[in-house]
Protein backbone atom coordinates (compact mmCIF):
# COMPACT_ATOMS: atom_id res chain seq x y z
CA MET A 1 50.52 78.25 116.75
CA ASN A 2 52.70 74.97 116.14
CA HIS A 3 55.03 75.02 119.10
CA PRO A 4 55.68 71.28 120.28
CA GLY A 5 55.73 71.80 124.15
CA LYS A 6 52.27 73.40 126.82
CA CYS A 7 52.75 77.06 125.20
CA ARG A 8 50.89 75.57 122.29
CA ASN A 9 48.04 76.02 124.56
CA LEU A 10 45.52 79.52 124.87
CA HIS A 11 47.73 80.71 127.57
CA GLY A 12 48.22 84.20 128.73
CA HIS A 13 51.19 86.13 130.37
CA SER A 14 51.39 89.42 133.22
CA VAL A 15 54.72 90.82 132.33
CA LYS A 16 57.34 93.20 133.38
CA ALA A 17 59.19 95.57 130.79
CA SER A 18 62.90 97.21 132.11
CA ILE A 19 63.48 99.70 129.42
CA SER A 20 66.67 101.48 129.47
CA ILE A 21 67.16 104.91 127.23
CA GLN A 22 70.61 106.24 126.82
CA GLN A 23 71.99 109.56 125.07
CA GLU A 24 75.30 111.11 125.18
CA GLN A 25 74.66 114.13 127.35
CA LEU A 26 72.60 114.91 129.82
CA ASN A 27 69.35 117.57 129.62
CA ASP A 28 69.00 120.71 131.64
CA GLN A 29 67.85 119.09 134.61
CA GLY A 30 70.45 116.17 134.55
CA MET A 31 68.73 113.41 133.12
CA VAL A 32 68.65 111.43 130.21
CA CYS A 33 64.60 111.85 130.53
CA ASP A 34 61.99 112.33 132.48
CA PHE A 35 60.87 108.93 134.17
CA SER A 36 57.26 109.48 133.71
CA ASP A 37 57.72 110.26 130.41
CA ILE A 38 58.81 106.18 129.54
CA LYS A 39 56.27 105.68 131.57
CA ASP A 40 53.24 106.95 130.36
CA CYS A 41 54.62 106.37 126.78
CA VAL A 42 54.39 102.75 127.71
CA GLU A 43 51.58 102.44 129.31
CA ALA A 44 49.65 104.15 126.56
CA TYR A 45 51.07 101.30 123.96
CA ILE A 46 50.54 99.03 126.40
CA ASP A 47 46.91 99.65 126.80
CA ASP A 48 45.79 100.58 123.49
CA VAL A 49 46.98 97.67 121.97
CA LEU A 50 48.58 94.39 124.28
CA ASP A 51 46.08 94.90 127.02
CA HIS A 52 42.85 92.45 126.93
CA ASN A 53 43.95 91.51 123.80
CA PHE A 54 44.34 88.55 122.29
CA LEU A 55 47.84 87.74 120.75
CA LEU A 56 48.15 85.42 117.62
CA HIS A 57 50.37 84.70 114.36
CA LYS A 58 48.54 86.08 111.18
CA ASP A 59 47.96 82.58 109.99
CA ASP A 60 46.00 81.55 113.44
CA PRO A 61 43.31 78.89 112.71
CA ILE A 62 41.29 80.73 115.49
CA ILE A 63 41.02 84.12 113.86
CA PRO A 64 38.03 83.38 111.55
CA MET A 65 35.63 81.96 115.09
CA LEU A 66 36.99 85.42 117.15
CA THR A 67 35.91 87.81 113.77
CA GLU A 68 32.69 86.18 114.09
CA ASN A 69 32.10 86.67 117.14
CA ASN A 70 33.17 90.75 117.48
CA GLU A 71 36.28 89.63 119.85
CA ARG A 72 39.37 91.73 119.96
CA PHE A 73 42.65 90.40 118.97
CA LEU A 74 45.56 91.33 117.11
CA ALA A 75 46.88 89.44 114.09
CA LEU A 76 51.06 89.85 114.00
CA ASP A 77 53.26 88.49 112.10
CA GLU A 78 55.85 86.55 113.79
CA HIS A 79 54.82 84.46 116.56
CA PRO A 80 53.26 86.89 120.01
CA THR A 81 57.10 85.30 121.78
CA ALA A 82 58.53 87.36 124.39
CA GLU A 83 61.12 88.56 121.92
CA VAL A 84 58.52 89.72 119.62
CA LEU A 85 56.42 91.78 122.21
CA SER A 86 59.90 93.14 123.49
CA LYS A 87 60.72 94.23 119.83
CA MET A 88 56.75 95.88 119.56
CA ILE A 89 57.79 97.65 122.62
CA TYR A 90 61.16 99.03 121.67
CA GLN A 91 59.69 100.79 118.27
CA HIS A 92 56.72 102.04 119.72
CA LEU A 93 59.05 103.63 122.30
CA LYS A 94 62.01 104.66 118.82
CA GLN A 95 59.20 105.43 117.11
CA ALA A 96 57.67 108.18 120.05
CA GLY A 97 61.32 109.79 119.89
CA PHE A 98 63.03 107.88 122.42
CA ASN A 99 66.80 107.01 122.03
CA VAL A 100 65.72 103.65 123.25
CA ALA A 101 68.58 101.26 123.87
CA GLN A 102 66.84 98.10 125.32
CA VAL A 103 63.91 96.83 125.78
CA VAL A 104 63.80 93.60 128.41
CA LEU A 105 60.66 91.43 128.94
CA TRP A 106 60.15 89.44 132.15
CA GLU A 107 57.76 86.25 132.00
CA THR A 108 58.43 84.98 135.25
CA ALA A 109 61.07 86.06 137.39
CA SER A 110 63.66 83.66 135.88
CA ALA A 111 62.57 84.07 132.27
CA HIS A 112 63.22 87.24 130.38
CA ALA A 113 63.34 87.88 126.29
CA CYS A 114 65.53 91.31 125.33
CA TYR A 115 65.37 93.64 122.16
CA ARG A 116 67.88 95.79 120.82
CA GLU A 117 69.14 97.20 117.79
CA SER A 118 72.83 97.38 117.15
């Protein structure tokens, strides 16, 4: 919404995420954590919240029409950019108990956004 370029038009993305978890010490199996635990947590979040969902800014004028037609959407306080989606995934993992260092979200092979807290 309000973007001056072609991304102002309705469009979707398939993305790839890179997630970094950090710990001071390894667990008794010699790992920071099991990769499958991270994968299960992220996949559940993506399936429940992001996948096949219309992500919009909360002020988008199309929302009343979507509501009227019982269409699935998620109204966000911020624009649904790769940066914001990286932050959402980061915060979900952190709330799930992972010590997240960063989440990188790739929109294309050459375009990505990274979220990390200092």
